[in-house]
Amino acid sequence: MSSPAYYDGELPSLVLPAELEQELASNVRRTFSHAVKDLLGPAPSASSLRRAVRAVNDCIQTALAAELRDHNERASSHRLPTELWVMIWAHLPMLDCIAVTHVCHFWRATAVASRRLWSVLEFRSSAHGEGCDCDVCIACCKQDFQSFALLCIHCSQPRPTGQSTNPNLVQASLVRSAELPLAVELNLDGEYPCWTSVQVLAELLDGDSARVQSFQIALWRPSILSDIFETLPDFPAVQSVRIDICVFTENDMEFFLNSTRFTSLRHLQISVGDYTALLDALLRVPNISELHIEISDGFFFPRADSDAQHTKFPESMAAHLRTLTVSNILPGSLEHLLLNPCRATNPRQLALHYRTPSLYPFTLSLNTVPLGFEIFNELEDAVQITIAESERGDGSCEIEGSDGRGSRREVVIHRSAIYGLWKSVQATSVTSLDVHLRLWKGALATLENPLPAVRWLTLRVHIHSDERLGLDAELIRARPLLPALECVTLSALDAPPRMAIVVSERLTGFLRALRDDGGIRVLVLRGLCLREVNPDLLKIVQDVRDAPGFVQSHVLVNP
């Protein structure tokens, strides 16, 4: 048995007779063969997981009733002993792969949810808050439907800490998944992280480090980064590295850069506070194809007339770099940044300095950088512009542009600054607009000249019942600015059914203008209430469809 230092208390050893072990193996196989039938879909429900867990637990309790009673009388807790879980693990049926995530003593639900092996070993050194009962855990499918995480039912937070990790179970999963790659996440978010977590991870990966293809570390104190890397083995096959710490300065980065443990690195995400440190990092990883940079407060970008050696873009990267994301992590809201644009100038300079307009496809993204629209002037033919609301909830919006060559530019900006887009983008090259309706006024009210090449227009409605909409006037006023418009999509799929009625009525004038103006060849209405509530609107839609030259329509009505 592994050292009891990893557990809450001393666990007495449990030795099973051979015949009982065979009975257990048979029961486990039979029970799991029925339990996994509910888990073969892309996203098993919580009820399916609980049902499977109960079935397996009943199987174990029945097969080992006497032994468990004896064990519970001698143990400090009523959980199953490590030896028994390792034994059960060895008899679990294999599907296409296995899943072990957030490993802890209460891993039974994760073991049942064995549809996919995402192969991530995650260690956390912080415990949950007071009042959280972590004895009951369920396995939940993550958003990508390819990985499972063990979450506490009560606080919906990842359950275990490095100190509660069961190394035997992790080691068993590594052996059984020998042909699969690994992704390692090391989360040490306390001021004084638990070194036991790092040591356990190093021991577990000893001999398997060549399988690790993705490495992510979250760290509050950057000064101990070199100590962590000295403890961990080399990762020669790692292609993606993400380091989330306060500030990645030149001294903190030295060990990381001088190391050969990331020789296959292709994707890098770091936080930097020193330009020289960033430049050194890029010079040492010339094969990077995807670079994500978070700028810390006080970042200094050298002046243009300074030593060229300190500002020169690494030419060796130009052949590989395809995605560059620059985010500044200054404290305060986006409005604060707009009031202090000088503080946000450096990240914009950085992104513009490192862009490579001759490369296609190439993505450049600026986050919370005022007046960063000039990156859009590098988009050429068949430009598609998308203006969407940001999830930040601070009045910002996300603007994305792409062209026929596959090049992409993205900015996160305050909605009051949308006007800068039209000053940078080539108006004659824009062929498609996709705008959230609440941003329509800000998007086109400042448009002084028409967009003569726009043929596709998509308006997305996502509104709440307490909002007042004055849509028609703004929409009709914008119609002359889009003289070549041929294809219109109006979507209210995200709106509540009752508000879809309101939206439909407010769009009547715009649709009437489309009918009277003519030239619309494709009309798509999604989530709009027509027939039951607004027969006049339905008649207008029919008139648009009957107009000469109309070729296609699609109406999806809310039930």
Protein backbone atom coordinates (compact mmCIF):
# COMPACT_ATOMS: atom_id res chain seq x y z
CA MET A 1 0.00 0.00 0.00
CA SER A 2 1.17 3.51 -0.75
CA SER A 3 2.37 5.77 1.98
CA PRO A 4 -0.48 6.89 4.27
CA ALA A 5 0.87 10.44 4.03
CA TYR A 6 -1.31 10.85 0.96
CA TYR A 7 -4.52 9.98 2.80
CA ASP A 8 -6.60 11.38 5.59
CA GLY A 9 -5.63 8.62 8.00
CA GLU A 10 -3.96 5.24 8.36
CA LEU A 11 -5.89 2.65 6.34
CA PRO A 12 -5.56 -0.95 7.51
CA SER A 13 -4.62 -3.40 4.79
CA LEU A 14 -7.33 -5.59 3.31
CA VAL A 15 -6.40 -9.06 2.03
CA LEU A 16 -9.07 -10.97 0.08
CA PRO A 17 -9.20 -14.76 -0.27
CA ALA A 18 -8.61 -15.95 -3.84
CA GLU A 19 -12.16 -17.26 -4.28
CA LEU A 20 -13.63 -13.98 -3.05
CA GLU A 21 -11.43 -12.02 -5.42
CA GLN A 22 -12.70 -14.13 -8.33
CA GLU A 23 -16.29 -13.53 -7.26
CA LEU A 24 -15.63 -9.83 -7.04
CA ALA A 25 -14.10 -9.77 -10.51
CA SER A 26 -17.07 -11.62 -11.98
CA ASN A 27 -19.58 -9.31 -10.30
CA VAL A 28 -17.71 -6.20 -11.38
CA ARG A 29 -17.57 -7.30 -15.02
CA ARG A 30 -21.25 -8.20 -15.08
CA THR A 31 -22.37 -5.04 -13.32
CA PHE A 32 -20.26 -2.73 -15.44
CA SER A 33 -21.38 -4.39 -18.66
CA HIS A 34 -24.91 -3.24 -17.83
CA ALA A 35 -23.94 0.09 -16.28
CA VAL A 36 -21.93 1.39 -19.22
CA LYS A 37 -24.86 1.01 -21.60
CA ASP A 38 -26.25 4.23 -20.19
CA LEU A 39 -22.93 5.99 -20.64
CA LEU A 40 -22.20 5.44 -24.32
CA GLY A 41 -23.80 8.66 -25.50
CA PRO A 42 -21.75 11.82 -26.06
CA ALA A 43 -22.92 13.38 -22.78
CA PRO A 44 -24.10 10.95 -20.07
CA SER A 45 -26.72 12.45 -17.82
CA ALA A 46 -26.18 12.86 -14.09
CA SER A 47 -28.99 10.38 -13.42
CA SER A 48 -27.28 7.77 -15.63
CA LEU A 49 -24.05 8.26 -13.76
CA ARG A 50 -25.69 7.99 -10.36
CA ARG A 51 -27.60 4.91 -11.45
CA ALA A 52 -24.43 3.22 -12.64
CA VAL A 53 -22.58 4.21 -9.49
CA ARG A 54 -25.33 2.75 -7.30
CA ALA A 55 -25.27 -0.49 -9.28
CA VAL A 56 -21.53 -0.89 -8.87
CA ASN A 57 -21.65 0.10 -5.22
CA ASP A 58 -24.41 -2.43 -4.52
CA CYS A 59 -22.36 -5.08 -6.28
CA ILE A 60 -19.35 -4.34 -4.12
CA GLN A 61 -21.32 -4.15 -0.89
CA THR A 62 -22.99 -7.49 -1.64
CA ALA A 63 -19.82 -9.33 -2.60
CA LEU A 64 -17.74 -8.00 0.26
CA ALA A 65 -20.25 -7.41 3.04
CA ALA A 66 -18.36 -9.23 5.79
CA GLU A 67 -14.93 -7.93 4.77
CA LEU A 68 -16.17 -4.36 4.54
CA ARG A 69 -17.81 -4.50 7.96
CA ASP A 70 -14.54 -5.72 9.43
CA HIS A 71 -12.60 -3.08 7.55
CA ASN A 72 -14.92 -0.25 8.62
CA GLU A 73 -14.61 -1.27 12.25
CA ARG A 74 -10.82 -0.91 12.03
CA ALA A 75 -10.60 2.08 9.69
CA SER A 76 -10.95 5.75 10.54
CA SER A 77 -13.41 6.24 7.68
CA HIS A 78 -15.94 4.15 5.80
CA ARG A 79 -14.46 4.45 2.35
CA LEU A 80 -13.22 1.45 0.46
CA PRO A 81 -9.56 0.60 0.96
CA THR A 82 -7.05 1.45 -1.74
CA GLU A 83 -6.17 -2.18 -2.42
CA LEU A 84 -9.76 -3.01 -3.23
CA TRP A 85 -10.20 -0.10 -5.61
CA VAL A 86 -7.02 -1.02 -7.45
CA MET A 87 -8.29 -4.58 -7.70
CA ILE A 88 -11.65 -3.44 -9.08
CA TRP A 89 -9.89 -1.12 -11.50
CA ALA A 90 -7.99 -4.06 -12.95
CA HIS A 91 -11.29 -5.80 -13.79
CA LEU A 92 -13.14 -2.86 -15.30
CA PRO A 93 -14.20 -3.42 -18.92
CA MET A 94 -12.34 -1.37 -21.50
CA LEU A 95 -14.35 0.54 -24.07
CA ASP A 96 -12.36 2.55 -26.58
CA CYS A 97 -10.41 3.96 -23.64
CA ILE A 98 -10.70 4.79 -19.96
CA ALA A 99 -11.21 7.99 -18.02
CA VAL A 100 -9.44 9.09 -14.89
CA THR A 101 -9.67 12.72 -13.88
CA HIS A 102 -9.32 14.54 -10.58
CA VAL A 103 -8.45 11.19 -9.03
CA CYS A 104 -9.43 10.73 -5.40
CA HIS A 105 -10.90 8.04 -3.16
CA PHE A 106 -14.38 8.81 -4.47
CA TRP A 107 -13.45 8.05 -8.06
CA ARG A 108 -16.10 5.39 -8.68
CA ALA A 109 -18.26 7.67 -10.82
CA THR A 110 -15.30 8.61 -12.96
CA ALA A 111 -14.39 4.97 -13.42
CA VAL A 112 -17.93 4.22 -14.53
CA ALA A 113 -17.87 7.12 -16.99
CA SER A 114 -15.20 5.35 -19.00
CA ARG A 115 -16.24 6.38 -22.48
CA ARG A 116 -13.17 8.48 -23.16
CA LEU A 117 -9.70 8.73 -21.69
CA TRP A 118 -8.71 12.34 -21.81
CA SER A 119 -5.56 11.31 -19.96
CA VAL A 120 -5.26 14.42 -17.83
CA LEU A 121 -3.75 14.19 -14.38
CA GLU A 122 -4.79 17.22 -12.40
CA PHE A 123 -3.46 18.12 -8.97
CA ARG A 124 -4.84 20.95 -6.88
CA SER A 125 -3.32 22.23 -3.68
CA SER A 126 -6.30 24.23 -2.44
CA ALA A 127 -9.20 22.81 -0.44
CA HIS A 128 -12.85 23.75 -0.75
CA GLY A 129 -14.59 26.27 1.43
CA GLU A 130 -16.23 25.58 4.75
CA GLY A 131 -19.50 23.73 4.67
CA CYS A 132 -18.67 21.79 1.52
CA ASP A 133 -19.36 18.07 1.73
CA CYS A 134 -17.01 16.47 -0.75
CA ASP A 135 -17.93 12.91 0.17
CA VAL A 136 -20.48 12.80 -2.64
CA CYS A 137 -19.04 13.32 -6.11
CA ILE A 138 -20.38 12.83 -9.61
CA ALA A 139 -18.69 12.64 -12.98
CA CYS A 140 -19.68 15.40 -15.37
CA CYS A 141 -18.90 15.68 -19.05
CA LYS A 142 -16.96 18.80 -19.95
CA GLN A 143 -18.09 21.07 -22.75
CA ASP A 144 -15.93 19.41 -25.38
CA PHE A 145 -17.74 16.10 -24.70
CA GLN A 146 -14.38 14.35 -24.73
CA SER A 147 -13.37 14.60 -21.12
CA PHE A 148 -14.86 13.97 -17.71
CA ALA A 149 -14.30 15.85 -14.50
CA LEU A 150 -15.16 14.71 -11.02
CA LEU A 151 -17.11 17.52 -9.38
CA CYS A 152 -18.43 17.99 -5.89
CA ILE A 153 -22.23 18.03 -5.96
CA HIS A 154 -22.46 20.72 -3.32
CA CYS A 155 -20.08 23.36 -4.63
CA SER A 156 -19.50 22.16 -8.22
CA GLN A 157 -15.77 22.47 -7.76
CA PRO A 158 -13.13 19.89 -8.66
CA ARG A 159 -12.92 17.55 -5.72
CA PRO A 160 -9.44 16.46 -4.79
CA THR A 161 -6.17 17.92 -3.68
CA GLY A 162 -2.74 16.56 -4.34
CA GLN A 163 -2.68 15.21 -0.80
CA SER A 164 -5.84 13.16 -1.35
CA THR A 165 -4.72 11.70 -4.65
CA ASN A 166 -4.53 7.95 -4.87
CA PRO A 167 -1.23 7.23 -6.68
CA ASN A 168 -2.05 3.55 -7.11
CA LEU A 169 -5.12 4.33 -9.17
CA VAL A 170 -3.29 6.87 -11.28
CA GLN A 171 -0.46 4.44 -11.90
CA ALA A 172 -2.95 1.77 -12.91
CA SER A 173 -4.53 4.15 -15.41
CA LEU A 174 -1.14 5.01 -16.87
CA VAL A 175 -0.34 1.35 -17.42
CA ARG A 176 -3.67 0.60 -19.05
CA SER A 177 -3.43 3.62 -21.34
CA ALA A 178 0.15 3.07 -22.44
CA GLU A 179 -0.62 3.81 -26.10
CA LEU A 180 -2.36 7.12 -25.45
CA PRO A 181 -0.89 10.62 -25.04
CA LEU A 182 -1.08 12.51 -21.77
CA ALA A 183 -1.98 16.06 -20.86
CA VAL A 184 -0.81 17.32 -17.48
CA GLU A 185 -2.44 20.13 -15.51
CA LEU A 186 -0.67 21.28 -12.37
CA ASN A 187 -2.67 23.78 -10.34
CA LEU A 188 -0.79 25.36 -7.44
CA ASP A 189 -2.87 28.43 -6.75
CA GLY A 190 -1.90 29.07 -3.15
CA GLU A 191 0.83 31.41 -1.99
CA TYR A 192 2.65 28.41 -0.53
CA PRO A 193 1.75 25.50 -2.82
CA CYS A 194 1.84 21.94 -1.66
CA TRP A 195 5.14 20.43 -2.77
CA THR A 196 3.67 16.99 -2.17
CA SER A 197 1.57 17.51 -5.29
CA VAL A 198 4.64 18.24 -7.39
CA GLN A 199 6.56 15.31 -5.96
CA VAL A 200 3.67 12.90 -6.49
CA LEU A 201 3.29 14.08 -10.07
CA ALA A 202 7.01 13.65 -10.71
CA GLU A 203 6.92 10.11 -9.34
CA LEU A 204 3.86 9.17 -11.36
CA LEU A 205 5.26 10.50 -14.61
CA ASP A 206 8.63 8.88 -14.16
CA GLY A 207 8.91 6.66 -17.22
CA ASP A 208 5.83 8.15 -18.89
CA SER A 209 6.99 11.73 -19.44
CA ALA A 210 7.56 11.07 -23.16
CA ARG A 211 3.79 10.56 -23.51
CA VAL A 212 2.98 14.07 -22.28
CA GLN A 213 1.93 16.29 -25.18
CA SER A 214 0.26 19.12 -23.28
CA PHE A 215 1.44 20.82 -20.10
CA GLN A 216 -0.42 23.47 -18.13
CA ILE A 217 0.61 25.03 -14.85
CA ALA A 218 -1.25 27.58 -12.75
CA LEU A 219 1.00 29.26 -10.21
CA TRP A 220 0.62 32.19 -7.86
CA ARG A 221 4.32 32.64 -7.08
CA PRO A 222 6.46 32.72 -10.24
CA SER A 223 9.70 32.66 -8.25
CA ILE A 224 9.34 28.92 -7.60
CA LEU A 225 8.77 27.97 -11.23
CA SER A 226 12.36 26.84 -11.73
CA ASP A 227 12.14 24.67 -8.60
CA ILE A 228 9.05 22.97 -10.00
CA PHE A 229 10.70 22.25 -13.34
CA GLU A 230 13.77 20.90 -11.59
CA THR A 231 11.52 18.44 -9.76
CA LEU A 232 9.55 17.33 -12.82
CA PRO A 233 11.02 15.15 -15.58
CA ASP A 234 11.69 16.33 -19.12
CA PHE A 235 8.79 16.43 -21.59
CA PRO A 236 10.35 15.93 -25.02
CA ALA A 237 7.01 15.39 -26.81
CA VAL A 238 5.14 18.40 -25.39
CA GLN A 239 3.63 20.55 -28.12
CA SER A 240 1.47 22.87 -26.02
CA VAL A 241 2.49 24.78 -22.88
CA ARG A 242 0.35 27.16 -20.86
CA ILE A 243 1.79 28.95 -17.84
CA ASP A 244 -0.67 30.99 -15.76
CA ILE A 245 1.23 33.04 -13.21
CA CYS A 246 1.26 36.63 -12.07
CA VAL A 247 4.17 37.92 -14.13
CA PHE A 248 6.71 36.10 -16.26
CA THR A 249 9.81 38.28 -15.89
CA GLU A 250 13.26 37.80 -17.37
CA ASN A 251 14.74 36.14 -14.29
CA ASP A 252 11.72 33.90 -13.75
CA MET A 253 11.89 32.73 -17.35
CA GLU A 254 15.57 31.88 -17.45
CA PHE A 255 15.29 28.30 -16.27
CA PHE A 256 12.30 27.64 -18.50
CA LEU A 257 14.09 28.95 -21.58
CA ASN A 258 17.40 27.25 -20.95
CA SER A 259 15.70 23.92 -20.45
CA THR A 260 15.48 21.34 -23.23
CA ARG A 261 12.39 19.70 -21.78
CA PHE A 262 10.07 21.35 -24.36
CA THR A 263 11.90 20.59 -27.59
CA SER A 264 8.72 19.97 -29.62
CA LEU A 265 6.84 23.07 -28.46
CA ARG A 266 4.32 24.50 -30.95
CA HIS A 267 1.75 26.33 -28.79
CA LEU A 268 2.77 28.71 -26.00
CA GLN A 269 0.63 30.81 -23.66
CA ILE A 270 2.42 32.98 -21.11
CA SER A 271 2.04 36.14 -19.03
CA VAL A 272 4.87 38.63 -19.48
CA GLY A 273 5.90 41.86 -17.83
CA ASP A 274 9.20 42.43 -19.58
CA TYR A 275 9.76 42.85 -23.31
CA THR A 276 13.29 41.48 -23.22
CA ALA A 277 12.06 38.33 -21.51
CA LEU A 278 9.40 37.91 -24.18
CA LEU A 279 11.90 38.40 -26.98
CA ASP A 280 14.23 35.85 -25.41
CA ALA A 281 11.37 33.39 -25.18
CA LEU A 282 10.46 33.79 -28.85
CA LEU A 283 14.06 33.47 -29.99
CA ARG A 284 14.38 30.16 -28.16
CA VAL A 285 11.17 28.64 -29.53
CA PRO A 286 11.40 29.39 -33.27
CA ASN A 287 8.89 26.73 -34.29
CA ILE A 288 5.96 28.28 -32.43
CA SER A 289 2.81 28.34 -34.56
CA GLU A 290 0.38 29.61 -31.91
CA LEU A 291 1.36 32.28 -29.40
CA HIS A 292 -0.91 33.73 -26.70
CA ILE A 293 0.51 36.59 -24.65
CA GLU A 294 -1.02 38.22 -21.58
CA ILE A 295 0.47 41.63 -20.84
CA SER A 296 0.90 42.58 -17.22
CA ASP A 297 0.67 46.09 -15.82
CA GLY A 298 3.73 48.18 -16.49
CA PHE A 299 4.82 46.34 -19.62
CA PHE A 300 7.44 48.39 -21.44
CA PHE A 301 7.74 48.34 -25.20
CA PRO A 302 11.04 49.81 -26.51
CA ARG A 303 10.95 52.98 -28.56
CA ALA A 304 11.28 52.65 -32.30
CA ASP A 305 14.63 54.47 -32.30
CA SER A 306 16.12 52.23 -29.61
CA ASP A 307 18.61 49.48 -30.22
CA ALA A 308 17.23 47.42 -33.11
CA GLN A 309 18.59 44.28 -31.56
CA HIS A 310 16.09 44.64 -28.72
CA THR A 311 13.07 45.29 -30.94
CA LYS A 312 13.67 43.04 -33.93
CA PHE A 313 11.04 40.41 -34.61
CA PRO A 314 12.57 36.90 -34.65
CA GLU A 315 12.72 36.16 -38.37
CA SER A 316 12.93 32.44 -37.64
CA MET A 317 9.33 32.54 -36.36
CA ALA A 318 7.90 34.03 -39.53
CA ALA A 319 7.80 30.66 -41.28
CA HIS A 320 5.63 29.06 -38.59
CA LEU A 321 3.58 31.63 -36.66
CA ARG A 322 -0.10 31.47 -37.59
CA THR A 323 -1.96 32.68 -34.50
CA LEU A 324 -1.07 35.58 -32.20
CA THR A 325 -3.32 36.64 -29.33
CA VAL A 326 -2.42 39.62 -27.15
CA SER A 327 -4.44 40.30 -24.00
CA ASN A 328 -3.61 42.94 -21.45
CA ILE A 329 -4.53 42.07 -17.90
CA LEU A 330 -4.55 45.56 -16.45
CA PRO A 331 -6.75 45.94 -13.37
CA GLY A 332 -10.05 47.70 -13.74
CA SER A 333 -12.86 47.67 -16.26
CA LEU A 334 -12.70 48.34 -19.96
CA GLU A 335 -14.13 51.82 -19.39
CA HIS A 336 -11.12 52.55 -17.21
CA LEU A 337 -8.84 51.55 -20.06
CA LEU A 338 -10.68 53.89 -22.41
CA LEU A 339 -10.12 56.74 -19.99
CA ASN A 340 -6.44 55.86 -19.81
CA PRO A 341 -5.56 54.87 -23.38
CA CYS A 342 -1.86 55.43 -22.81
CA ARG A 343 -1.80 52.40 -20.51
CA ALA A 344 -3.24 50.21 -23.25
CA THR A 345 -0.95 51.46 -26.01
CA ASN A 346 1.87 49.04 -25.30
CA PRO A 347 -0.12 45.83 -25.91
CA ARG A 348 -1.38 47.28 -29.19
CA GLN A 349 2.15 48.21 -30.20
CA LEU A 350 3.27 44.73 -29.31
CA ALA A 351 0.63 43.06 -31.46
CA LEU A 352 1.21 45.37 -34.41
CA HIS A 353 4.94 44.84 -34.07
CA TYR A 354 4.65 41.08 -34.19
CA ARG A 355 2.00 40.71 -36.85
CA THR A 356 3.08 39.09 -40.08
CA PRO A 357 0.65 40.31 -42.77
CA SER A 358 2.31 38.28 -45.50
CA LEU A 359 1.33 35.01 -43.84
CA TYR A 360 -2.02 33.41 -44.55
CA PRO A 361 -3.96 32.20 -42.76
CA PHE A 362 -2.96 34.31 -39.77
CA THR A 363 -4.98 35.25 -36.69
CA LEU A 364 -4.21 38.35 -34.64
CA SER A 365 -6.37 39.00 -31.59
CA LEU A 366 -6.32 42.03 -29.29
CA ASN A 367 -8.19 41.91 -26.00
CA THR A 368 -9.29 45.13 -24.27
CA VAL A 369 -7.03 47.24 -26.44
CA PRO A 370 -8.68 50.56 -27.40
CA LEU A 371 -8.27 51.78 -30.97
CA GLY A 372 -6.73 48.56 -32.22
CA PHE A 373 -8.77 48.43 -35.41
CA GLU A 374 -5.85 49.12 -37.72
CA ILE A 375 -5.12 45.41 -37.73
CA PHE A 376 -8.23 45.05 -39.92
CA ASN A 377 -6.75 46.98 -42.82
CA GLU A 378 -4.66 43.93 -43.70
CA LEU A 379 -7.78 41.93 -44.60
CA GLU A 380 -8.26 41.87 -48.33
CA ASP A 381 -10.91 40.26 -50.53
CA ALA A 382 -14.24 38.75 -49.40
CA VAL A 383 -14.05 40.18 -45.87
CA GLN A 384 -16.60 38.93 -43.36
CA ILE A 385 -17.25 41.07 -40.27
CA THR A 386 -18.91 39.71 -37.11
CA ILE A 387 -19.91 42.04 -34.27
CA ALA A 388 -21.10 40.18 -31.18
CA GLU A 389 -21.73 40.97 -27.55
CA SER A 390 -18.95 40.01 -25.19
CA GLU A 391 -19.58 37.72 -22.25
CA ARG A 392 -17.53 40.05 -20.06
CA GLY A 393 -20.63 42.04 -19.12
CA ASP A 394 -18.80 45.38 -19.07
CA GLY A 395 -20.20 46.95 -22.22
CA SER A 396 -17.58 45.45 -24.50
CA CYS A 397 -18.13 43.65 -27.77
CA GLU A 398 -16.14 41.19 -29.82
CA ILE A 399 -15.35 42.07 -33.43
CA GLU A 400 -13.93 39.46 -35.76
CA GLY A 401 -12.91 39.83 -39.37
CA SER A 402 -11.79 37.21 -41.84
CA ASP A 403 -11.02 37.24 -45.54
CA GLY A 404 -10.98 34.86 -48.45
CA ARG A 405 -7.41 33.82 -47.73
CA GLY A 406 -8.28 32.54 -44.28
CA SER A 407 -6.62 35.38 -42.38
CA ARG A 408 -8.41 36.50 -39.22
CA ARG A 409 -8.30 39.57 -36.99
CA GLU A 410 -10.09 39.91 -33.66
CA VAL A 411 -10.52 42.70 -31.12
CA VAL A 412 -12.45 43.05 -27.88
CA ILE A 413 -13.50 46.67 -27.64
CA HIS A 414 -16.04 48.87 -25.90
CA ARG A 415 -19.21 49.20 -27.95
CA SER A 416 -18.84 52.98 -28.01
CA ALA A 417 -15.63 52.57 -30.01
CA ILE A 418 -17.09 50.50 -32.86
CA TYR A 419 -16.84 53.55 -35.12
CA GLY A 420 -13.13 52.91 -35.46
CA LEU A 421 -13.81 49.75 -37.43
CA TRP A 422 -15.06 51.58 -40.52
CA LYS A 423 -12.00 53.80 -40.58
CA SER A 424 -9.70 50.79 -40.83
CA VAL A 425 -11.46 48.14 -42.88
CA GLN A 426 -11.47 48.42 -46.67
CA ALA A 427 -15.13 49.21 -47.38
CA THR A 428 -15.09 47.80 -50.91
CA SER A 429 -13.83 44.43 -49.67
CA VAL A 430 -16.54 43.76 -47.04
CA THR A 431 -19.04 41.24 -48.42
CA SER A 432 -20.74 39.95 -45.25
CA LEU A 433 -21.99 41.45 -41.97
CA ASP A 434 -23.10 39.45 -38.94
CA VAL A 435 -24.31 41.76 -36.14
CA HIS A 436 -26.08 41.26 -32.83
CA LEU A 437 -29.10 43.51 -32.98
CA ARG A 438 -28.35 45.40 -29.77
CA LEU A 439 -25.10 46.52 -31.39
CA TRP A 440 -26.70 47.46 -34.70
CA LYS A 441 -27.06 51.16 -33.94
CA GLY A 442 -23.49 51.51 -32.75
CA ALA A 443 -22.24 49.44 -35.66
CA LEU A 444 -23.89 51.33 -38.50
CA ALA A 445 -24.93 54.70 -37.06
CA THR A 446 -21.37 55.95 -37.52
CA LEU A 447 -21.04 54.49 -41.01
CA GLU A 448 -20.70 57.58 -43.19
CA ASN A 449 -20.21 55.87 -46.54
CA PRO A 450 -21.99 52.82 -47.99
CA LEU A 451 -20.53 49.35 -47.99
CA PRO A 452 -21.02 48.68 -51.69
CA ALA A 453 -19.98 45.03 -51.69
CA VAL A 454 -22.03 43.68 -48.76
CA ARG A 455 -24.32 40.94 -50.09
CA TRP A 456 -25.00 38.97 -46.89
CA LEU A 457 -26.51 40.45 -43.73
CA THR A 458 -27.25 38.46 -40.56
CA LEU A 459 -28.99 40.07 -37.59
CA ARG A 460 -29.04 38.10 -34.35
CA VAL A 461 -31.60 38.97 -31.70
CA HIS A 462 -30.98 38.11 -28.06
CA ILE A 463 -33.20 40.26 -25.88
CA HIS A 464 -34.90 40.31 -22.52
CA SER A 465 -38.53 41.04 -21.86
CA ASP A 466 -37.80 44.30 -20.05
CA GLU A 467 -36.07 45.93 -23.02
CA ARG A 468 -37.69 48.37 -25.39
CA LEU A 469 -36.80 47.87 -29.02
CA GLY A 470 -36.90 50.56 -31.66
CA LEU A 471 -35.62 48.40 -34.45
CA ASP A 472 -37.45 49.46 -37.55
CA ALA A 473 -36.16 53.01 -37.80
CA GLU A 474 -32.53 52.00 -37.42
CA LEU A 475 -32.85 49.07 -39.80
CA ILE A 476 -34.62 51.05 -42.51
CA ARG A 477 -32.15 53.91 -42.21
CA ALA A 478 -29.26 51.50 -42.76
CA ARG A 479 -30.77 49.91 -45.89
CA PRO A 480 -29.28 52.49 -48.35
CA LEU A 481 -25.84 51.88 -46.83
CA LEU A 482 -25.99 48.32 -48.15
CA PRO A 483 -26.99 48.80 -51.80
CA ALA A 484 -25.83 45.35 -52.95
CA LEU A 485 -27.65 43.44 -50.22
CA GLU A 486 -29.09 40.16 -51.55
CA CYS A 487 -29.21 37.69 -48.64
CA VAL A 488 -30.81 38.52 -45.28
CA THR A 489 -30.98 36.35 -42.16
CA LEU A 490 -33.00 37.46 -39.14
CA SER A 491 -32.46 35.18 -36.17
CA ALA A 492 -34.25 35.28 -32.81
CA LEU A 493 -33.53 31.73 -31.75
CA ASP A 494 -32.07 32.86 -28.43
CA ALA A 495 -35.04 35.08 -27.59
CA PRO A 496 -37.81 33.81 -25.28
CA PRO A 497 -40.93 32.73 -27.21
CA ARG A 498 -42.98 35.65 -25.92
CA MET A 499 -40.33 38.13 -27.00
CA ALA A 500 -40.08 36.50 -30.42
CA ILE A 501 -43.57 37.89 -31.03
CA VAL A 502 -42.40 41.41 -30.14
CA VAL A 503 -39.33 41.05 -32.33
CA SER A 504 -41.45 39.90 -35.25
CA GLU A 505 -43.71 42.94 -34.96
CA ARG A 506 -40.78 45.35 -34.68
CA LEU A 507 -39.20 43.91 -37.83
CA THR A 508 -42.29 44.49 -39.96
CA GLY A 509 -41.11 47.85 -41.28
CA PHE A 510 -37.70 46.53 -42.20
CA LEU A 511 -39.16 43.59 -44.10
CA ARG A 512 -41.60 45.93 -45.84
CA ALA A 513 -38.63 48.06 -46.93
CA LEU A 514 -36.94 44.97 -48.29
CA ARG A 515 -40.10 44.13 -50.21
CA ASP A 516 -40.50 47.62 -51.66
CA ASP A 517 -36.83 48.02 -52.47
CA GLY A 518 -36.50 44.62 -54.11
CA GLY A 519 -33.26 42.86 -54.90
CA ILE A 520 -33.45 40.34 -52.03
CA ARG A 521 -32.73 36.88 -53.37
CA VAL A 522 -32.43 34.89 -50.13
CA LEU A 523 -34.42 35.43 -46.92
CA VAL A 524 -33.97 33.35 -43.76
CA LEU A 525 -36.12 33.90 -40.67
CA ARG A 526 -35.29 31.92 -37.55
CA GLY A 527 -37.37 31.94 -34.38
CA LEU A 528 -39.86 34.58 -35.53
CA CYS A 529 -43.57 34.19 -34.84
CA LEU A 530 -45.44 34.81 -38.08
CA ARG A 531 -48.57 32.86 -38.90
CA GLU A 532 -50.27 32.63 -35.53
CA VAL A 533 -49.71 36.20 -34.36
CA ASN A 534 -48.96 38.52 -37.25
CA PRO A 535 -50.66 37.64 -40.55
CA ASP A 536 -49.68 41.01 -42.01
CA LEU A 537 -46.03 40.22 -41.42
CA LEU A 538 -46.50 36.82 -43.00
CA LYS A 539 -48.00 38.52 -46.06
CA ILE A 540 -44.99 40.83 -46.33
CA VAL A 541 -42.65 37.86 -46.14
CA GLN A 542 -44.66 36.15 -48.86
CA ASP A 543 -44.42 39.27 -51.04
CA VAL A 544 -40.64 39.27 -50.63
CA ARG A 545 -40.53 35.64 -51.67
CA ASP A 546 -42.74 36.32 -54.71
CA ALA A 547 -40.59 39.20 -55.94
CA PRO A 548 -38.69 38.73 -59.24
CA GLY A 549 -35.28 37.20 -58.80
CA PHE A 550 -36.02 35.62 -55.42
CA VAL A 551 -34.41 32.17 -55.33
CA GLN A 552 -34.50 30.78 -51.78
CA SER A 553 -36.19 31.17 -48.43
CA HIS A 554 -36.22 29.40 -45.11
CA VAL A 555 -38.56 30.12 -42.23
CA LEU A 556 -38.04 28.47 -38.84
CA VAL A 557 -40.90 29.43 -36.54
CA ASN A 558 -40.76 29.11 -32.77
CA PRO A 559 -43.04 26.31 -31.53
